[in-house]
């Protein structure tokens, strides 16, 4: 069985990220609890047995300072994400798209690249990107629950871009295991719909942790559903 010792989870003071951090800590890892608000990160870290680290994925200075404090890292979970606008493209602003992409896409790129030196010191580097089933273009075009009148365009397209980024990182870093996860609709504060959802965030976290703890011959460059099956791009 592969041994891991350190992990970093962004947006880990609440929601799915907090459950991921908690489960990784329970597995015996030293977990860095990334949070924009250090006080909230410290509260979560104290409860989970982790280490708080201030990390705003939209602030390069914050990212660089966080990376300087983590010399070695086995697992990076890019969990931080936002919904800034739920409209269809004709009803959305460029600013809403830009704000969404700053966190959901550019933030992942900035954080991942900043922590690559630490990850490269690991014998078993892992990256897990928390995406969304709504980012599947196949599902969006096929009908059913993922086909809408183009609503949620900023968020959904940002997750489609994140899926592409996941694939490209996996191709560029063949010694890593890099995967994306569709966690399903979970009870979080992501948006009003999620706030009243029945889905347990701990279940989604379990799926993320499985990807984080993959053996060296595990899959890479794939988009996984929380139930263990592979989702279409």
C-alpha atoms as a PDB file:
ATOM      1  CA  UNK A   1       0.000   0.000   0.000  1.00  0.00           C
ATOM      2  CA  UNK A   2       1.278   3.467  -0.904  1.00  0.00           C
ATOM      3  CA  UNK A   3       2.305   5.650   2.026  1.00  0.00           C
ATOM      4  CA  UNK A   4       1.383   9.330   2.150  1.00  0.00           C
ATOM      5  CA  UNK A   5       2.266  11.838   4.851  1.00  0.00           C
ATOM      6  CA  UNK A   6       1.152  15.341   3.827  1.00  0.00           C
ATOM      7  CA  UNK A   7      -1.847  16.892   2.077  1.00  0.00           C
ATOM      8  CA  UNK A   8      -3.160  20.360   1.319  1.00  0.00           C
ATOM      9  CA  UNK A   9      -6.845  21.087   0.739  1.00  0.00           C
ATOM     10  CA  UNK A  10      -7.958  24.494  -0.529  1.00  0.00           C
ATOM     11  CA  UNK A  11     -11.215  25.935   0.768  1.00  0.00           C
ATOM     12  CA  UNK A  12     -11.001  23.446   3.616  1.00  0.00           C
ATOM     13  CA  UNK A  13     -12.665  25.375   6.428  1.00  0.00           C
ATOM     14  CA  UNK A  14     -16.175  24.366   5.305  1.00  0.00           C
ATOM     15  CA  UNK A  15     -18.241  22.154   3.046  1.00  0.00           C
ATOM     16  CA  UNK A  16     -16.782  19.261   1.087  1.00  0.00           C
ATOM     17  CA  UNK A  17     -13.250  20.591   1.603  1.00  0.00           C
ATOM     18  CA  UNK A  18     -13.577  20.383   5.370  1.00  0.00           C
ATOM     19  CA  UNK A  19     -14.743  16.773   5.149  1.00  0.00           C
ATOM     20  CA  UNK A  20     -11.858  15.927   2.823  1.00  0.00           C
ATOM     21  CA  UNK A  21      -9.383  17.440   5.275  1.00  0.00           C
ATOM     22  CA  UNK A  22     -11.017  15.625   8.170  1.00  0.00           C
ATOM     23  CA  UNK A  23     -10.885  12.249   6.429  1.00  0.00           C
ATOM     24  CA  UNK A  24      -7.273  12.686   5.327  1.00  0.00           C
ATOM     25  CA  UNK A  25      -6.307  13.639   8.879  1.00  0.00           C
ATOM     26  CA  UNK A  26      -8.152  10.577  10.186  1.00  0.00           C
ATOM     27  CA  UNK A  27      -6.072   8.485   7.765  1.00  0.00           C
ATOM     28  CA  UNK A  28      -2.947   9.721   9.559  1.00  0.00           C
ATOM     29  CA  UNK A  29      -1.780  12.470   7.223  1.00  0.00           C
ATOM     30  CA  UNK A  30      -0.582  15.918   8.198  1.00  0.00           C
ATOM     31  CA  UNK A  31      -3.221  18.093   6.552  1.00  0.00           C
ATOM     32  CA  UNK A  32      -2.824  21.757   5.679  1.00  0.00           C
ATOM     33  CA  UNK A  33      -6.238  23.395   5.939  1.00  0.00           C
ATOM     34  CA  UNK A  34      -6.233  26.127   3.306  1.00  0.00           C
ATOM     35  CA  UNK A  35      -8.597  29.035   3.924  1.00  0.00           C
ATOM     36  CA  UNK A  36      -8.890  32.658   2.794  1.00  0.00           C
ATOM     37  CA  UNK A  37      -9.783  33.642   6.361  1.00  0.00           C
ATOM     38  CA  UNK A  38      -7.015  32.404   8.630  1.00  0.00           C
ATOM     39  CA  UNK A  39      -9.207  32.550  11.743  1.00  0.00           C
ATOM     40  CA  UNK A  40     -11.753  30.246  10.128  1.00  0.00           C
ATOM     41  CA  UNK A  41      -8.948  28.001   8.955  1.00  0.00           C
ATOM     42  CA  UNK A  42      -7.532  27.815  12.452  1.00  0.00           C
ATOM     43  CA  UNK A  43     -10.945  26.885  13.871  1.00  0.00           C
ATOM     44  CA  UNK A  44     -11.322  24.099  11.334  1.00  0.00           C
ATOM     45  CA  UNK A  45      -7.754  22.897  11.790  1.00  0.00           C
ATOM     46  CA  UNK A  46      -8.186  22.708  15.553  1.00  0.00           C
ATOM     47  CA  UNK A  47     -11.334  20.617  15.136  1.00  0.00           C
ATOM     48  CA  UNK A  48      -9.804  18.343  12.502  1.00  0.00           C
ATOM     49  CA  UNK A  49      -6.323  17.978  13.902  1.00  0.00           C
ATOM     50  CA  UNK A  50      -4.747  19.767  10.933  1.00  0.00           C
ATOM     51  CA  UNK A  51      -2.615  22.837  10.329  1.00  0.00           C
ATOM     52  CA  UNK A  52      -4.195  26.080   9.190  1.00  0.00           C
ATOM     53  CA  UNK A  53      -2.635  27.944   6.311  1.00  0.00           C
ATOM     54  CA  UNK A  54      -3.875  31.211   4.812  1.00  0.00           C
ATOM     55  CA  UNK A  55      -4.499  30.604   1.146  1.00  0.00           C
ATOM     56  CA  UNK A  56      -6.579  32.800  -1.129  1.00  0.00           C
ATOM     57  CA  UNK A  57      -6.490  31.120  -4.533  1.00  0.00           C
ATOM     58  CA  UNK A  58      -7.155  34.453  -6.269  1.00  0.00           C
ATOM     59  CA  UNK A  59      -4.186  36.199  -4.601  1.00  0.00           C
ATOM     60  CA  UNK A  60      -0.752  35.262  -5.956  1.00  0.00           C
ATOM     61  CA  UNK A  61       1.066  36.735  -2.950  1.00  0.00           C
ATOM     62  CA  UNK A  62      -1.045  34.570  -0.641  1.00  0.00           C
ATOM     63  CA  UNK A  63      -0.369  31.506  -2.787  1.00  0.00           C
ATOM     64  CA  UNK A  64       3.379  32.127  -2.855  1.00  0.00           C
ATOM     65  CA  UNK A  65       3.532  32.652   0.912  1.00  0.00           C
ATOM     66  CA  UNK A  66       1.587  29.440   1.504  1.00  0.00           C
ATOM     67  CA  UNK A  67       3.816  27.462  -0.855  1.00  0.00           C
ATOM     68  CA  UNK A  68       6.933  28.777   0.900  1.00  0.00           C
ATOM     69  CA  UNK A  69       5.640  27.259   4.127  1.00  0.00           C
ATOM     70  CA  UNK A  70       5.085  23.772   2.683  1.00  0.00           C
ATOM     71  CA  UNK A  71       8.434  22.310   1.579  1.00  0.00           C
ATOM     72  CA  UNK A  72       7.113  18.797   0.886  1.00  0.00           C
ATOM     73  CA  UNK A  73       3.675  17.659  -0.219  1.00  0.00           C
ATOM     74  CA  UNK A  74       2.156  14.367  -1.326  1.00  0.00           C
ATOM     75  CA  UNK A  75      -1.411  15.401  -2.089  1.00  0.00           C
ATOM     76  CA  UNK A  76      -3.002  18.594  -3.377  1.00  0.00           C
ATOM     77  CA  UNK A  77      -6.790  18.827  -3.416  1.00  0.00           C
ATOM     78  CA  UNK A  78      -8.020  21.851  -5.374  1.00  0.00           C
ATOM     79  CA  UNK A  79     -11.413  22.175  -3.726  1.00  0.00           C
ATOM     80  CA  UNK A  80     -12.058  25.934  -3.548  1.00  0.00           C
ATOM     81  CA  UNK A  81     -14.828  26.981  -5.921  1.00  0.00           C
ATOM     82  CA  UNK A  82     -17.564  29.576  -6.305  1.00  0.00           C
ATOM     83  CA  UNK A  83     -20.762  30.340  -8.188  1.00  0.00           C
ATOM     84  CA  UNK A  84     -20.875  34.057  -8.970  1.00  0.00           C
ATOM     85  CA  UNK A  85     -23.744  34.078 -11.447  1.00  0.00           C
ATOM     86  CA  UNK A  86     -26.433  31.559 -12.345  1.00  0.00           C
ATOM     87  CA  UNK A  87     -27.536  33.104 -15.613  1.00  0.00           C
ATOM     88  CA  UNK A  88     -27.381  31.961 -19.211  1.00  0.00           C
ATOM     89  CA  UNK A  89     -24.788  33.712 -21.421  1.00  0.00           C
ATOM     90  CA  UNK A  90     -27.210  36.365 -22.744  1.00  0.00           C
ATOM     91  CA  UNK A  91     -28.007  37.347 -19.165  1.00  0.00           C
ATOM     92  CA  UNK A  92     -24.476  37.157 -17.706  1.00  0.00           C
ATOM     93  CA  UNK A  93     -21.760  39.749 -17.429  1.00  0.00           C
ATOM     94  CA  UNK A  94     -18.121  39.414 -18.339  1.00  0.00           C
ATOM     95  CA  UNK A  95     -17.308  40.370 -14.751  1.00  0.00           C
ATOM     96  CA  UNK A  96     -19.302  37.388 -13.430  1.00  0.00           C
ATOM     97  CA  UNK A  97     -17.464  35.044 -15.772  1.00  0.00           C
ATOM     98  CA  UNK A  98     -14.124  36.582 -14.859  1.00  0.00           C
ATOM     99  CA  UNK A  99     -14.787  36.285 -11.119  1.00  0.00           C
ATOM    100  CA  UNK A 100     -15.839  32.652 -11.502  1.00  0.00           C
ATOM    101  CA  UNK A 101     -12.825  31.718 -13.594  1.00  0.00           C
ATOM    102  CA  UNK A 102     -10.446  33.511 -11.222  1.00  0.00           C
ATOM    103  CA  UNK A 103     -11.298  30.977  -8.518  1.00  0.00           C
ATOM    104  CA  UNK A 104     -12.397  27.866 -10.401  1.00  0.00           C
ATOM    105  CA  UNK A 105      -9.774  27.812 -13.160  1.00  0.00           C
ATOM    106  CA  UNK A 106      -6.998  30.384 -12.754  1.00  0.00           C
ATOM    107  CA  UNK A 107      -6.823  29.706  -9.023  1.00  0.00           C
ATOM    108  CA  UNK A 108      -6.281  25.993  -9.659  1.00  0.00           C
ATOM    109  CA  UNK A 109      -3.533  26.759 -12.158  1.00  0.00           C
ATOM    110  CA  UNK A 110      -1.807  29.225  -9.821  1.00  0.00           C
ATOM    111  CA  UNK A 111      -1.997  26.983  -6.749  1.00  0.00           C
ATOM    112  CA  UNK A 112      -0.943  23.835  -8.580  1.00  0.00           C
ATOM    113  CA  UNK A 113       2.064  25.481 -10.203  1.00  0.00           C
ATOM    114  CA  UNK A 114       3.140  27.099  -6.938  1.00  0.00           C
ATOM    115  CA  UNK A 115       3.082  23.762  -5.122  1.00  0.00           C
ATOM    116  CA  UNK A 116       4.658  21.690  -7.910  1.00  0.00           C
ATOM    117  CA  UNK A 117       8.164  21.920  -6.398  1.00  0.00           C
ATOM    118  CA  UNK A 118       6.856  20.461  -3.130  1.00  0.00           C
ATOM    119  CA  UNK A 119       4.825  17.799  -4.954  1.00  0.00           C
ATOM    120  CA  UNK A 120       7.831  16.808  -7.045  1.00  0.00           C
ATOM    121  CA  UNK A 121       9.674  15.962  -3.823  1.00  0.00           C
ATOM    122  CA  UNK A 122       7.054  13.306  -3.140  1.00  0.00           C
ATOM    123  CA  UNK A 123       7.465   9.728  -4.311  1.00  0.00           C
ATOM    124  CA  UNK A 124       3.716   9.521  -4.884  1.00  0.00           C
ATOM    125  CA  UNK A 125       2.372  12.949  -5.966  1.00  0.00           C
ATOM    126  CA  UNK A 126      -1.378  13.256  -6.288  1.00  0.00           C
ATOM    127  CA  UNK A 127      -3.650  16.070  -7.476  1.00  0.00           C
ATOM    128  CA  UNK A 128      -7.439  15.956  -7.127  1.00  0.00           C
ATOM    129  CA  UNK A 129      -9.552  18.709  -8.681  1.00  0.00           C
ATOM    130  CA  UNK A 130     -13.097  19.073  -7.379  1.00  0.00           C
ATOM    131  CA  UNK A 131     -15.171  19.649 -10.488  1.00  0.00           C
ATOM    132  CA  UNK A 132     -18.893  19.213 -11.148  1.00  0.00           C
ATOM    133  CA  UNK A 133     -21.117  16.946 -13.185  1.00  0.00           C
ATOM    134  CA  UNK A 134     -22.595  20.133 -14.621  1.00  0.00           C
ATOM    135  CA  UNK A 135     -19.239  20.672 -16.338  1.00  0.00           C
ATOM    136  CA  UNK A 136     -19.685  17.569 -18.498  1.00  0.00           C
ATOM    137  CA  UNK A 137     -20.430  18.746 -22.030  1.00  0.00           C
ATOM    138  CA  UNK A 138     -21.642  15.262 -22.901  1.00  0.00           C
ATOM    139  CA  UNK A 139     -24.202  15.258 -20.112  1.00  0.00           C
ATOM    140  CA  UNK A 140     -25.204  18.857 -20.842  1.00  0.00           C
ATOM    141  CA  UNK A 141     -25.970  17.963 -24.453  1.00  0.00           C
ATOM    142  CA  UNK A 142     -27.662  14.632 -23.735  1.00  0.00           C
ATOM    143  CA  UNK A 143     -30.718  15.900 -21.900  1.00  0.00           C
ATOM    144  CA  UNK A 144     -31.935  14.941 -18.458  1.00  0.00           C
ATOM    145  CA  UNK A 145     -30.915  16.727 -15.283  1.00  0.00           C
ATOM    146  CA  UNK A 146     -27.792  18.335 -16.780  1.00  0.00           C
ATOM    147  CA  UNK A 147     -29.477  19.934 -19.802  1.00  0.00           C
ATOM    148  CA  UNK A 148     -30.825  23.380 -19.018  1.00  0.00           C
ATOM    149  CA  UNK A 149     -31.655  26.516 -20.960  1.00  0.00           C
ATOM    150  CA  UNK A 150     -28.000  27.493 -20.776  1.00  0.00           C
ATOM    151  CA  UNK A 151     -28.238  28.609 -17.145  1.00  0.00           C
ATOM    152  CA  UNK A 152     -25.257  28.492 -14.836  1.00  0.00           C
ATOM    153  CA  UNK A 153     -23.014  29.147 -17.818  1.00  0.00           C
ATOM    154  CA  UNK A 154     -20.157  30.780 -15.918  1.00  0.00           C
ATOM    155  CA  UNK A 155     -19.878  28.019 -13.323  1.00  0.00           C
ATOM    156  CA  UNK A 156     -20.518  25.131 -15.687  1.00  0.00           C
ATOM    157  CA  UNK A 157     -18.073  26.321 -18.333  1.00  0.00           C
ATOM    158  CA  UNK A 158     -15.446  26.948 -15.636  1.00  0.00           C
ATOM    159  CA  UNK A 159     -15.764  23.325 -14.533  1.00  0.00           C
ATOM    160  CA  UNK A 160     -15.515  22.141 -18.139  1.00  0.00           C
ATOM    161  CA  UNK A 161     -12.298  24.157 -18.362  1.00  0.00           C
ATOM    162  CA  UNK A 162     -11.118  22.611 -15.092  1.00  0.00           C
ATOM    163  CA  UNK A 163     -11.726  19.143 -16.529  1.00  0.00           C
ATOM    164  CA  UNK A 164      -9.589  20.041 -19.540  1.00  0.00           C
ATOM    165  CA  UNK A 165      -6.889  21.408 -17.245  1.00  0.00           C
ATOM    166  CA  UNK A 166      -6.951  18.152 -15.290  1.00  0.00           C
ATOM    167  CA  UNK A 167      -6.314  16.151 -18.453  1.00  0.00           C
ATOM    168  CA  UNK A 168      -3.502  18.443 -19.572  1.00  0.00           C
ATOM    169  CA  UNK A 169      -1.770  18.280 -16.180  1.00  0.00           C
ATOM    170  CA  UNK A 170      -1.996  14.484 -16.266  1.00  0.00           C
ATOM    171  CA  UNK A 171      -0.401  14.445 -19.715  1.00  0.00           C
ATOM    172  CA  UNK A 172       2.341  16.872 -18.672  1.00  0.00           C
ATOM    173  CA  UNK A 173       3.055  15.070 -15.382  1.00  0.00           C
ATOM    174  CA  UNK A 174       2.943  11.336 -16.136  1.00  0.00           C
ATOM    175  CA  UNK A 175       4.642  10.510 -12.833  1.00  0.00           C
ATOM    176  CA  UNK A 176       1.697  12.076 -10.974  1.00  0.00           C
ATOM    177  CA  UNK A 177      -1.858  10.812 -10.559  1.00  0.00           C
ATOM    178  CA  UNK A 178      -4.093  13.757 -11.546  1.00  0.00           C
ATOM    179  CA  UNK A 179      -7.872  13.362 -11.544  1.00  0.00           C
ATOM    180  CA  UNK A 180     -11.097  15.371 -11.379  1.00  0.00           C
ATOM    181  CA  UNK A 181     -14.166  14.506  -9.331  1.00  0.00           C
ATOM    182  CA  UNK A 182     -17.860  15.161  -9.895  1.00  0.00           C
ATOM    183  CA  UNK A 183     -19.012  15.177  -6.251  1.00  0.00           C
ATOM    184  CA  UNK A 184     -22.747  15.371  -6.886  1.00  0.00           C
ATOM    185  CA  UNK A 185     -25.129  17.903  -5.385  1.00  0.00           C
ATOM    186  CA  UNK A 186     -24.200  18.260  -1.718  1.00  0.00           C
ATOM    187  CA  UNK A 187     -25.464  20.212   1.242  1.00  0.00           C
ATOM    188  CA  UNK A 188     -23.082  23.183   1.243  1.00  0.00           C
ATOM    189  CA  UNK A 189     -23.339  26.954   1.007  1.00  0.00           C
ATOM    190  CA  UNK A 190     -22.252  27.009  -2.656  1.00  0.00           C
ATOM    191  CA  UNK A 191     -25.637  28.411  -3.714  1.00  0.00           C
ATOM    192  CA  UNK A 192     -29.263  28.379  -2.485  1.00  0.00           C
ATOM    193  CA  UNK A 193     -29.969  25.042  -4.172  1.00  0.00           C
ATOM    194  CA  UNK A 194     -27.000  23.388  -2.474  1.00  0.00           C
ATOM    195  CA  UNK A 195     -27.976  24.827   0.890  1.00  0.00           C
ATOM    196  CA  UNK A 196     -31.157  22.728   0.899  1.00  0.00           C
ATOM    197  CA  UNK A 197     -29.741  19.633  -0.820  1.00  0.00           C
ATOM    198  CA  UNK A 198     -30.021  16.173   0.731  1.00  0.00           C
ATOM    199  CA  UNK A 199     -26.587  15.020  -0.415  1.00  0.00           C
ATOM    200  CA  UNK A 200     -24.088  14.392   2.377  1.00  0.00           C
ATOM    201  CA  UNK A 201     -20.793  16.236   1.721  1.00  0.00           C
ATOM    202  CA  UNK A 202     -18.945  13.504   3.618  1.00  0.00           C
ATOM    203  CA  UNK A 203     -19.874  11.012   0.885  1.00  0.00           C
ATOM    204  CA  UNK A 204     -18.331  13.228  -1.787  1.00  0.00           C
ATOM    205  CA  UNK A 205     -15.271  13.668   0.413  1.00  0.00           C
ATOM    206  CA  UNK A 206     -14.824   9.890   0.610  1.00  0.00           C
ATOM    207  CA  UNK A 207     -14.617   9.751  -3.190  1.00  0.00           C
ATOM    208  CA  UNK A 208     -12.055  12.568  -3.253  1.00  0.00           C
ATOM    209  CA  UNK A 209      -9.948  10.855  -0.598  1.00  0.00           C
ATOM    210  CA  UNK A 210      -9.937   7.618  -2.603  1.00  0.00           C
ATOM    211  CA  UNK A 211      -8.490   9.529  -5.557  1.00  0.00           C
ATOM    212  CA  UNK A 212      -6.004  11.266  -3.279  1.00  0.00           C
ATOM    213  CA  UNK A 213      -4.749   7.935  -1.921  1.00  0.00           C
ATOM    214  CA  UNK A 214      -4.481   6.092  -5.237  1.00  0.00           C
ATOM    215  CA  UNK A 215      -1.727   3.548  -5.695  1.00  0.00           C
ATOM    216  CA  UNK A 216       0.965   4.327  -8.240  1.00  0.00           C
ATOM    217  CA  UNK A 217      -0.773   2.209 -10.896  1.00  0.00           C
ATOM    218  CA  UNK A 218      -4.073   4.021 -10.361  1.00  0.00           C
ATOM    219  CA  UNK A 219      -5.871   6.005 -13.047  1.00  0.00           C
ATOM    220  CA  UNK A 220      -4.815   9.469 -14.105  1.00  0.00           C
ATOM    221  CA  UNK A 221      -6.289  12.124 -16.369  1.00  0.00           C
ATOM    222  CA  UNK A 222      -9.888  11.042 -15.791  1.00  0.00           C
ATOM    223  CA  UNK A 223     -13.144  12.629 -14.654  1.00  0.00           C
ATOM    224  CA  UNK A 224     -14.677  10.468 -11.926  1.00  0.00           C
ATOM    225  CA  UNK A 225     -18.129  10.392 -10.405  1.00  0.00           C
ATOM    226  CA  UNK A 226     -18.485  10.103  -6.629  1.00  0.00           C
ATOM    227  CA  UNK A 227     -19.798   6.528  -7.067  1.00  0.00           C
ATOM    228  CA  UNK A 228     -16.502   5.402  -8.577  1.00  0.00           C
ATOM    229  CA  UNK A 229     -17.538   5.357 -12.212  1.00  0.00           C
ATOM    230  CA  UNK A 230     -15.903   7.470 -14.902  1.00  0.00           C
ATOM    231  CA  UNK A 231     -17.879  10.508 -16.047  1.00  0.00           C
ATOM    232  CA  UNK A 232     -17.874  11.723 -19.660  1.00  0.00           C
ATOM    233  CA  UNK A 233     -16.078  14.933 -20.541  1.00  0.00           C
END
